[in-house]
Amino acid sequence: MNECVLVVDDDREIVRAIALLLEKEGYHVVKAYDGMEALRVLAEQPIQLIIMDVMMPRLDGLSAMMKIRERKNLPIIVLSAKTEETDKVLGLSMGADDYVSKPFLPAELAARVKSQLRRYTRLGDIHTGQEANEILNGRLCYRKQEHVLYADGEPVKLTATETKIIDLFMRNQGRIFPAEEIYQRVWEEVSFAPENTVMVHIRHIREKIELNPKEPEYIKVVWGIGYKMEKMEGHN
């Protein structure tokens, strides 16, 4: 693995920490400390992914991102202490591919970098086509005939029961299933109180497919009703 990642933040300690994290993962890291410096580096070196802070002197992250998007479509992960939903939506609408709030979990950031690079390098791959056997949803691809789920192109090791739950969710994205219905469809029997059994299996699936299981993007709880597989709009 020799992908080159540009890390941009005016806090040198954060840049150093991210660089150490990514270098351990096998990436080559280039550092910059404001938006202007980031643009200069991009003009001089081949970069495959950018991690960029929002609040920086000289040229802030969002302004720099707009300039980058005029010429390049490489993945950009925005890093920001702002956790308000409006800031996240603004960042994504201005061209970011992903958004990570400070303080971040190192393992989550590394996983998001890996995910974005996989998707970026896979764009021209014929396997990303809407084949009849494949159901796509963001980072996930479920092959119906083989009953195998892939996340970021790698097979996920699911138990038979977990596979049945994924099959149900991937075939019915966006639909809310009460725990009772999930239990009846997967275990094929009626249960008096299936909530805990279903919840434990959902938790195990999240640990295997979510970048941050505590803040799941895919399998969501709909309080008082049940669970659903979130349909990731615009991500194929």
C-alpha atoms as a PDB file:
ATOM      1  CA  MET A   1       0.000   0.000   0.000  1.00  0.00           C
ATOM      2  CA  ASN A   2       1.582   3.266  -1.004  1.00  0.00           C
ATOM      3  CA  GLU A   3      -1.309   5.698  -1.357  1.00  0.00           C
ATOM      4  CA  CYS A   4      -0.351   9.272  -0.539  1.00  0.00           C
ATOM      5  CA  VAL A   5      -2.552  11.119   1.980  1.00  0.00           C
ATOM      6  CA  LEU A   6      -2.398  14.889   2.541  1.00  0.00           C
ATOM      7  CA  VAL A   7      -3.195  15.920   6.139  1.00  0.00           C
ATOM      8  CA  VAL A   8      -4.092  19.599   6.600  1.00  0.00           C
ATOM      9  CA  ASP A   9      -4.612  21.219  10.019  1.00  0.00           C
ATOM     10  CA  ASP A  10      -3.171  24.306  11.699  1.00  0.00           C
ATOM     11  CA  ASP A  11      -2.717  22.252  14.900  1.00  0.00           C
ATOM     12  CA  ARG A  12       0.666  20.621  14.347  1.00  0.00           C
ATOM     13  CA  GLU A  13       0.107  18.053  17.102  1.00  0.00           C
ATOM     14  CA  ILE A  14      -3.044  16.789  15.374  1.00  0.00           C
ATOM     15  CA  VAL A  15      -1.210  16.574  12.041  1.00  0.00           C
ATOM     16  CA  ARG A  16       1.609  14.651  13.714  1.00  0.00           C
ATOM     17  CA  ALA A  17      -0.813  12.251  15.443  1.00  0.00           C
ATOM     18  CA  ILE A  18      -2.763  11.531  12.227  1.00  0.00           C
ATOM     19  CA  ALA A  19       0.483  11.087  10.281  1.00  0.00           C
ATOM     20  CA  LEU A  20       1.741   8.506  12.803  1.00  0.00           C
ATOM     21  CA  LEU A  21      -1.604   6.684  12.677  1.00  0.00           C
ATOM     22  CA  LEU A  22      -1.702   6.516   8.876  1.00  0.00           C
ATOM     23  CA  GLU A  23       1.975   5.658   8.468  1.00  0.00           C
ATOM     24  CA  LYS A  24       1.391   2.630  10.718  1.00  0.00           C
ATOM     25  CA  GLU A  25      -1.350   1.620   8.257  1.00  0.00           C
ATOM     26  CA  GLY A  26       1.161   1.803   5.410  1.00  0.00           C
ATOM     27  CA  TYR A  27       0.213   5.146   3.838  1.00  0.00           C
ATOM     28  CA  HIS A  28       2.643   7.847   2.747  1.00  0.00           C
ATOM     29  CA  VAL A  29       1.681  11.109   4.497  1.00  0.00           C
ATOM     30  CA  VAL A  30       2.290  14.692   3.357  1.00  0.00           C
ATOM     31  CA  LYS A  31       1.628  17.518   5.841  1.00  0.00           C
ATOM     32  CA  ALA A  32       0.244  21.038   5.401  1.00  0.00           C
ATOM     33  CA  TYR A  33      -0.879  23.613   7.971  1.00  0.00           C
ATOM     34  CA  ASP A  34      -3.352  25.833   6.103  1.00  0.00           C
ATOM     35  CA  GLY A  35      -5.454  25.850   2.941  1.00  0.00           C
ATOM     36  CA  MET A  36      -2.928  27.790   0.857  1.00  0.00           C
ATOM     37  CA  GLU A  37      -0.162  25.317   1.667  1.00  0.00           C
ATOM     38  CA  ALA A  38      -2.521  22.438   0.843  1.00  0.00           C
ATOM     39  CA  LEU A  39      -3.190  23.860  -2.642  1.00  0.00           C
ATOM     40  CA  ARG A  40       0.546  24.251  -3.237  1.00  0.00           C
ATOM     41  CA  VAL A  41       1.233  20.633  -2.217  1.00  0.00           C
ATOM     42  CA  LEU A  42      -1.567  19.383  -4.476  1.00  0.00           C
ATOM     43  CA  ALA A  43      -0.057  21.193  -7.428  1.00  0.00           C
ATOM     44  CA  GLU A  44       3.346  19.602  -6.809  1.00  0.00           C
ATOM     45  CA  GLN A  45       2.636  16.029  -5.635  1.00  0.00           C
ATOM     46  CA  PRO A  46       0.309  13.160  -6.562  1.00  0.00           C
ATOM     47  CA  ILE A  47      -2.188  12.898  -3.683  1.00  0.00           C
ATOM     48  CA  GLN A  48      -4.873  10.197  -3.431  1.00  0.00           C
ATOM     49  CA  LEU A  49      -6.829  11.490  -0.406  1.00  0.00           C
ATOM     50  CA  ILE A  50      -7.046  14.627   1.759  1.00  0.00           C
ATOM     51  CA  ILE A  51      -7.901  14.944   5.460  1.00  0.00           C
ATOM     52  CA  MET A  52      -8.605  18.629   6.095  1.00  0.00           C
ATOM     53  CA  ASP A  53      -9.589  20.736   9.073  1.00  0.00           C
ATOM     54  CA  VAL A  54     -12.238  23.436   8.596  1.00  0.00           C
ATOM     55  CA  MET A  55     -10.973  26.310  10.775  1.00  0.00           C
ATOM     56  CA  MET A  56      -7.521  27.396   9.533  1.00  0.00           C
ATOM     57  CA  PRO A  57      -5.691  30.690   8.938  1.00  0.00           C
ATOM     58  CA  ARG A  58      -5.009  32.205   5.474  1.00  0.00           C
ATOM     59  CA  LEU A  59      -7.465  29.894   3.693  1.00  0.00           C
ATOM     60  CA  ASP A  60     -10.034  27.833   5.615  1.00  0.00           C
ATOM     61  CA  GLY A  61     -10.811  24.204   4.811  1.00  0.00           C
ATOM     62  CA  LEU A  62     -14.157  24.718   3.065  1.00  0.00           C
ATOM     63  CA  SER A  63     -12.755  27.455   0.793  1.00  0.00           C
ATOM     64  CA  ALA A  64      -9.737  25.303  -0.030  1.00  0.00           C
ATOM     65  CA  MET A  65     -12.029  22.365  -0.753  1.00  0.00           C
ATOM     66  CA  MET A  66     -14.074  24.424  -3.228  1.00  0.00           C
ATOM     67  CA  LYS A  67     -10.880  25.340  -5.094  1.00  0.00           C
ATOM     68  CA  ILE A  68      -9.689  21.720  -5.092  1.00  0.00           C
ATOM     69  CA  ARG A  69     -13.055  20.501  -6.418  1.00  0.00           C
ATOM     70  CA  GLU A  70     -12.680  22.787  -9.460  1.00  0.00           C
ATOM     71  CA  ARG A  71      -9.833  20.552 -10.673  1.00  0.00           C
ATOM     72  CA  LYS A  72      -9.807  17.227  -8.786  1.00  0.00           C
ATOM     73  CA  ASN A  73     -12.299  14.589  -7.668  1.00  0.00           C
ATOM     74  CA  LEU A  74     -10.070  12.792  -5.136  1.00  0.00           C
ATOM     75  CA  PRO A  75     -11.699  11.919  -1.773  1.00  0.00           C
ATOM     76  CA  ILE A  76     -11.728  14.594   0.931  1.00  0.00           C
ATOM     77  CA  ILE A  77     -12.463  13.880   4.605  1.00  0.00           C
ATOM     78  CA  VAL A  78     -13.336  17.010   6.580  1.00  0.00           C
ATOM     79  CA  LEU A  79     -12.075  17.137  10.165  1.00  0.00           C
ATOM     80  CA  SER A  80     -13.796  19.587  12.470  1.00  0.00           C
ATOM     81  CA  ALA A  81     -14.479  20.310  16.128  1.00  0.00           C
ATOM     82  CA  LYS A  82     -17.921  21.487  15.072  1.00  0.00           C
ATOM     83  CA  THR A  83     -20.404  18.681  15.580  1.00  0.00           C
ATOM     84  CA  GLU A  84     -23.604  20.529  14.681  1.00  0.00           C
ATOM     85  CA  GLU A  85     -25.569  18.763  11.961  1.00  0.00           C
ATOM     86  CA  THR A  86     -25.681  21.963   9.835  1.00  0.00           C
ATOM     87  CA  ASP A  87     -21.866  22.099   9.699  1.00  0.00           C
ATOM     88  CA  LYS A  88     -21.723  18.468   8.645  1.00  0.00           C
ATOM     89  CA  VAL A  89     -24.326  19.002   5.911  1.00  0.00           C
ATOM     90  CA  LEU A  90     -22.516  22.167   4.746  1.00  0.00           C
ATOM     91  CA  GLY A  91     -19.200  20.333   4.495  1.00  0.00           C
ATOM     92  CA  LEU A  92     -20.700  17.425   2.567  1.00  0.00           C
ATOM     93  CA  SER A  93     -22.693  19.710   0.259  1.00  0.00           C
ATOM     94  CA  MET A  94     -19.546  21.685  -0.594  1.00  0.00           C
ATOM     95  CA  GLY A  95     -17.752  18.599  -1.825  1.00  0.00           C
ATOM     96  CA  ALA A  96     -16.504  16.583   1.148  1.00  0.00           C
ATOM     97  CA  ASP A  97     -16.807  12.805   0.850  1.00  0.00           C
ATOM     98  CA  ASP A  98     -16.870  12.223   4.598  1.00  0.00           C
ATOM     99  CA  TYR A  99     -16.912  14.180   7.857  1.00  0.00           C
ATOM    100  CA  VAL A 100     -15.173  13.263  11.129  1.00  0.00           C
ATOM    101  CA  SER A 101     -15.747  15.231  14.331  1.00  0.00           C
ATOM    102  CA  LYS A 102     -12.973  16.017  16.806  1.00  0.00           C
ATOM    103  CA  PRO A 103     -12.083  14.341  19.064  1.00  0.00           C
ATOM    104  CA  PHE A 104     -12.022  11.325  16.754  1.00  0.00           C
ATOM    105  CA  LEU A 105     -11.341   7.652  17.381  1.00  0.00           C
ATOM    106  CA  PRO A 106      -8.070   6.725  15.614  1.00  0.00           C
ATOM    107  CA  ALA A 107      -9.458   3.366  14.462  1.00  0.00           C
ATOM    108  CA  GLU A 108     -12.537   5.061  12.984  1.00  0.00           C
ATOM    109  CA  LEU A 109     -10.478   7.648  11.093  1.00  0.00           C
ATOM    110  CA  ALA A 110      -8.194   4.915   9.704  1.00  0.00           C
ATOM    111  CA  ALA A 111     -11.252   2.886   8.632  1.00  0.00           C
ATOM    112  CA  ARG A 112     -12.823   5.893   6.905  1.00  0.00           C
ATOM    113  CA  VAL A 113      -9.577   6.594   5.025  1.00  0.00           C
ATOM    114  CA  LYS A 114      -9.469   2.966   3.889  1.00  0.00           C
ATOM    115  CA  SER A 115     -13.128   3.063   2.863  1.00  0.00           C
ATOM    116  CA  GLN A 116     -12.764   6.256   0.812  1.00  0.00           C
ATOM    117  CA  LEU A 117      -9.605   5.031  -0.961  1.00  0.00           C
ATOM    118  CA  ARG A 118     -11.273   1.721  -1.823  1.00  0.00           C
ATOM    119  CA  ARG A 119     -14.286   3.475  -3.281  1.00  0.00           C
ATOM    120  CA  TYR A 120     -12.083   5.928  -5.191  1.00  0.00           C
ATOM    121  CA  THR A 121      -9.837   3.251  -6.726  1.00  0.00           C
ATOM    122  CA  ARG A 122     -12.860   1.062  -7.490  1.00  0.00           C
ATOM    123  CA  LEU A 123     -14.747   3.706  -9.502  1.00  0.00           C
ATOM    124  CA  GLY A 124     -13.677   2.297 -12.845  1.00  0.00           C
ATOM    125  CA  ASP A 125     -14.093  -1.330 -11.802  1.00  0.00           C
ATOM    126  CA  ILE A 126     -16.714  -3.331 -13.696  1.00  0.00           C
ATOM    127  CA  HIS A 127     -17.773  -4.960 -10.429  1.00  0.00           C
ATOM    128  CA  THR A 128     -19.374  -1.705  -9.306  1.00  0.00           C
ATOM    129  CA  GLY A 129     -22.091  -2.191 -11.930  1.00  0.00           C
ATOM    130  CA  GLN A 130     -25.642  -2.952 -10.896  1.00  0.00           C
ATOM    131  CA  GLU A 131     -25.424  -6.679 -11.465  1.00  0.00           C
ATOM    132  CA  ALA A 132     -28.640  -8.654 -10.884  1.00  0.00           C
ATOM    133  CA  ASN A 133     -26.969 -10.715  -8.152  1.00  0.00           C
ATOM    134  CA  GLU A 134     -25.709  -7.672  -6.230  1.00  0.00           C
ATOM    135  CA  ILE A 135     -27.535  -5.279  -3.929  1.00  0.00           C
ATOM    136  CA  LEU A 136     -25.440  -2.159  -3.309  1.00  0.00           C
ATOM    137  CA  ASN A 137     -25.794   0.307  -0.459  1.00  0.00           C
ATOM    138  CA  GLY A 138     -22.927   2.726   0.219  1.00  0.00           C
ATOM    139  CA  ARG A 139     -19.916   0.716   1.440  1.00  0.00           C
ATOM    140  CA  LEU A 140     -21.946  -2.502   1.428  1.00  0.00           C
ATOM    141  CA  CYS A 141     -22.513  -5.028  -1.355  1.00  0.00           C
ATOM    142  CA  TYR A 142     -24.671  -8.114  -0.774  1.00  0.00           C
ATOM    143  CA  ARG A 143     -24.421 -11.002  -3.220  1.00  0.00           C
ATOM    144  CA  LYS A 144     -27.768 -12.728  -3.022  1.00  0.00           C
ATOM    145  CA  GLN A 145     -26.886 -16.053  -4.611  1.00  0.00           C
ATOM    146  CA  GLU A 146     -23.775 -16.600  -2.490  1.00  0.00           C
ATOM    147  CA  HIS A 147     -25.379 -15.061   0.659  1.00  0.00           C
ATOM    148  CA  VAL A 148     -22.183 -13.070   1.228  1.00  0.00           C
ATOM    149  CA  LEU A 149     -21.948  -9.447   2.409  1.00  0.00           C
ATOM    150  CA  TYR A 150     -18.968  -7.307   1.377  1.00  0.00           C
ATOM    151  CA  ALA A 151     -17.906  -4.097   3.126  1.00  0.00           C
ATOM    152  CA  ASP A 152     -15.380  -1.950   1.252  1.00  0.00           C
ATOM    153  CA  GLY A 153     -14.838  -4.877  -1.118  1.00  0.00           C
ATOM    154  CA  GLU A 154     -13.922  -7.377   1.605  1.00  0.00           C
ATOM    155  CA  PRO A 155     -16.188 -10.261   2.709  1.00  0.00           C
ATOM    156  CA  VAL A 156     -17.720  -9.849   6.173  1.00  0.00           C
ATOM    157  CA  LYS A 157     -17.619 -12.925   8.404  1.00  0.00           C
ATOM    158  CA  LEU A 158     -21.251 -13.304   9.442  1.00  0.00           C
ATOM    159  CA  THR A 159     -22.951 -16.193  11.211  1.00  0.00           C
ATOM    160  CA  ALA A 160     -25.878 -17.914   9.469  1.00  0.00           C
ATOM    161  CA  THR A 161     -28.350 -15.977  11.622  1.00  0.00           C
ATOM    162  CA  GLU A 162     -26.603 -12.641  10.981  1.00  0.00           C
ATOM    163  CA  THR A 163     -26.620 -13.388   7.248  1.00  0.00           C
ATOM    164  CA  LYS A 164     -30.389 -13.951   7.348  1.00  0.00           C
ATOM    165  CA  ILE A 165     -30.868 -10.582   9.074  1.00  0.00           C
ATOM    166  CA  ILE A 166     -28.617  -8.832   6.519  1.00  0.00           C
ATOM    167  CA  ASP A 167     -30.488 -10.543   3.669  1.00  0.00           C
ATOM    168  CA  LEU A 168     -33.766  -9.187   5.057  1.00  0.00           C
ATOM    169  CA  PHE A 169     -32.395  -5.650   5.516  1.00  0.00           C
ATOM    170  CA  MET A 170     -30.486  -5.386   2.218  1.00  0.00           C
ATOM    171  CA  ARG A 171     -33.520  -6.570   0.215  1.00  0.00           C
ATOM    172  CA  ASN A 172     -35.780  -4.081   2.055  1.00  0.00           C
ATOM    173  CA  GLN A 173     -33.662  -0.934   2.501  1.00  0.00           C
ATOM    174  CA  GLY A 174     -35.500   1.865   4.288  1.00  0.00           C
ATOM    175  CA  ARG A 175     -38.292  -0.369   5.596  1.00  0.00           C
ATOM    176  CA  ILE A 176     -38.785  -0.533   9.370  1.00  0.00           C
ATOM    177  CA  PHE A 177     -39.055  -4.025  10.860  1.00  0.00           C
ATOM    178  CA  PRO A 178     -40.392  -4.581  14.407  1.00  0.00           C
ATOM    179  CA  ALA A 179     -38.239  -7.002  16.438  1.00  0.00           C
ATOM    180  CA  GLU A 180     -41.122  -9.503  16.403  1.00  0.00           C
ATOM    181  CA  GLU A 181     -41.186  -9.584  12.597  1.00  0.00           C
ATOM    182  CA  ILE A 182     -37.390  -9.903  12.337  1.00  0.00           C
ATOM    183  CA  TYR A 183     -37.514 -12.834  14.755  1.00  0.00           C
ATOM    184  CA  GLN A 184     -40.332 -14.587  12.911  1.00  0.00           C
ATOM    185  CA  ARG A 185     -38.652 -14.171   9.517  1.00  0.00           C
ATOM    186  CA  VAL A 186     -35.144 -15.148  10.630  1.00  0.00           C
ATOM    187  CA  TRP A 187     -35.756 -17.787  13.286  1.00  0.00           C
ATOM    188  CA  GLU A 188     -38.999 -18.902  11.582  1.00  0.00           C
ATOM    189  CA  GLU A 189     -40.858 -19.244  14.853  1.00  0.00           C
ATOM    190  CA  VAL A 190     -42.961 -17.064  17.129  1.00  0.00           C
ATOM    191  CA  SER A 191     -41.317 -15.635  20.242  1.00  0.00           C
ATOM    192  CA  PHE A 192     -42.986 -14.031  23.236  1.00  0.00           C
ATOM    193  CA  ALA A 193     -40.207 -11.466  23.901  1.00  0.00           C
ATOM    194  CA  PRO A 194     -37.699 -11.412  21.027  1.00  0.00           C
ATOM    195  CA  GLU A 195     -36.324  -7.883  21.612  1.00  0.00           C
ATOM    196  CA  ASN A 196     -33.139  -8.881  23.474  1.00  0.00           C
ATOM    197  CA  THR A 197     -32.284 -11.734  21.108  1.00  0.00           C
ATOM    198  CA  VAL A 198     -32.683  -9.512  18.053  1.00  0.00           C
ATOM    199  CA  MET A 199     -30.822  -6.626  19.722  1.00  0.00           C
ATOM    200  CA  VAL A 200     -27.762  -8.779  20.487  1.00  0.00           C
ATOM    201  CA  HIS A 201     -27.547 -10.010  16.882  1.00  0.00           C
ATOM    202  CA  ILE A 202     -27.953  -6.444  15.554  1.00  0.00           C
ATOM    203  CA  ARG A 203     -25.120  -5.316  17.839  1.00  0.00           C
ATOM    204  CA  HIS A 204     -22.836  -8.056  16.523  1.00  0.00           C
ATOM    205  CA  ILE A 205     -23.629  -7.121  12.912  1.00  0.00           C
ATOM    206  CA  ARG A 206     -22.904  -3.445  13.641  1.00  0.00           C
ATOM    207  CA  GLU A 207     -19.521  -4.375  15.109  1.00  0.00           C
ATOM    208  CA  LYS A 208     -18.669  -6.055  11.800  1.00  0.00           C
ATOM    209  CA  ILE A 209     -20.008  -3.518   9.265  1.00  0.00           C
ATOM    210  CA  GLU A 210     -20.123  -0.066  10.888  1.00  0.00           C
ATOM    211  CA  LEU A 211     -17.109   2.255  10.964  1.00  0.00           C
ATOM    212  CA  ASN A 212     -18.268   3.380  14.406  1.00  0.00           C
ATOM    213  CA  PRO A 213     -20.737   0.843  15.890  1.00  0.00           C
ATOM    214  CA  LYS A 214     -21.780   3.359  18.578  1.00  0.00           C
ATOM    215  CA  GLU A 215     -22.959   5.758  15.864  1.00  0.00           C
ATOM    216  CA  PRO A 216     -24.256   3.376  13.193  1.00  0.00           C
ATOM    217  CA  GLU A 217     -24.813   4.656   9.672  1.00  0.00           C
ATOM    218  CA  TYR A 218     -26.519   1.561   8.317  1.00  0.00           C
ATOM    219  CA  ILE A 219     -28.634  -0.371  10.825  1.00  0.00           C
ATOM    220  CA  LYS A 220     -30.671   2.209  12.713  1.00  0.00           C
ATOM    221  CA  VAL A 221     -33.033   1.922  15.667  1.00  0.00           C
ATOM    222  CA  VAL A 222     -36.434   3.524  15.098  1.00  0.00           C
ATOM    223  CA  TRP A 223     -37.465   4.051  18.710  1.00  0.00           C
ATOM    224  CA  GLY A 224     -40.680   2.346  19.713  1.00  0.00           C
ATOM    225  CA  ILE A 225     -40.985   0.575  16.352  1.00  0.00           C
ATOM    226  CA  GLY A 226     -37.948  -1.503  15.422  1.00  0.00           C
ATOM    227  CA  TYR A 227     -34.928  -1.488  13.102  1.00  0.00           C
ATOM    228  CA  LYS A 228     -34.179  -0.506   9.524  1.00  0.00           C
ATOM    229  CA  MET A 229     -31.323  -0.526   7.020  1.00  0.00           C
ATOM    230  CA  GLU A 230     -30.641   3.105   6.077  1.00  0.00           C
ATOM    231  CA  LYS A 231     -30.568   3.601   2.329  1.00  0.00           C
ATOM    232  CA  MET A 232     -27.448   5.604   1.463  1.00  0.00           C
ATOM    233  CA  GLU A 233     -28.646   8.025  -1.222  1.00  0.00           C
ATOM    234  CA  GLY A 234     -26.174   8.736  -3.989  1.00  0.00           C
ATOM    235  CA  HIS A 235     -23.611   6.151  -2.834  1.00  0.00           C
ATOM    236  CA  ASN A 236     -23.304   3.188  -5.168  1.00  0.00           C
END
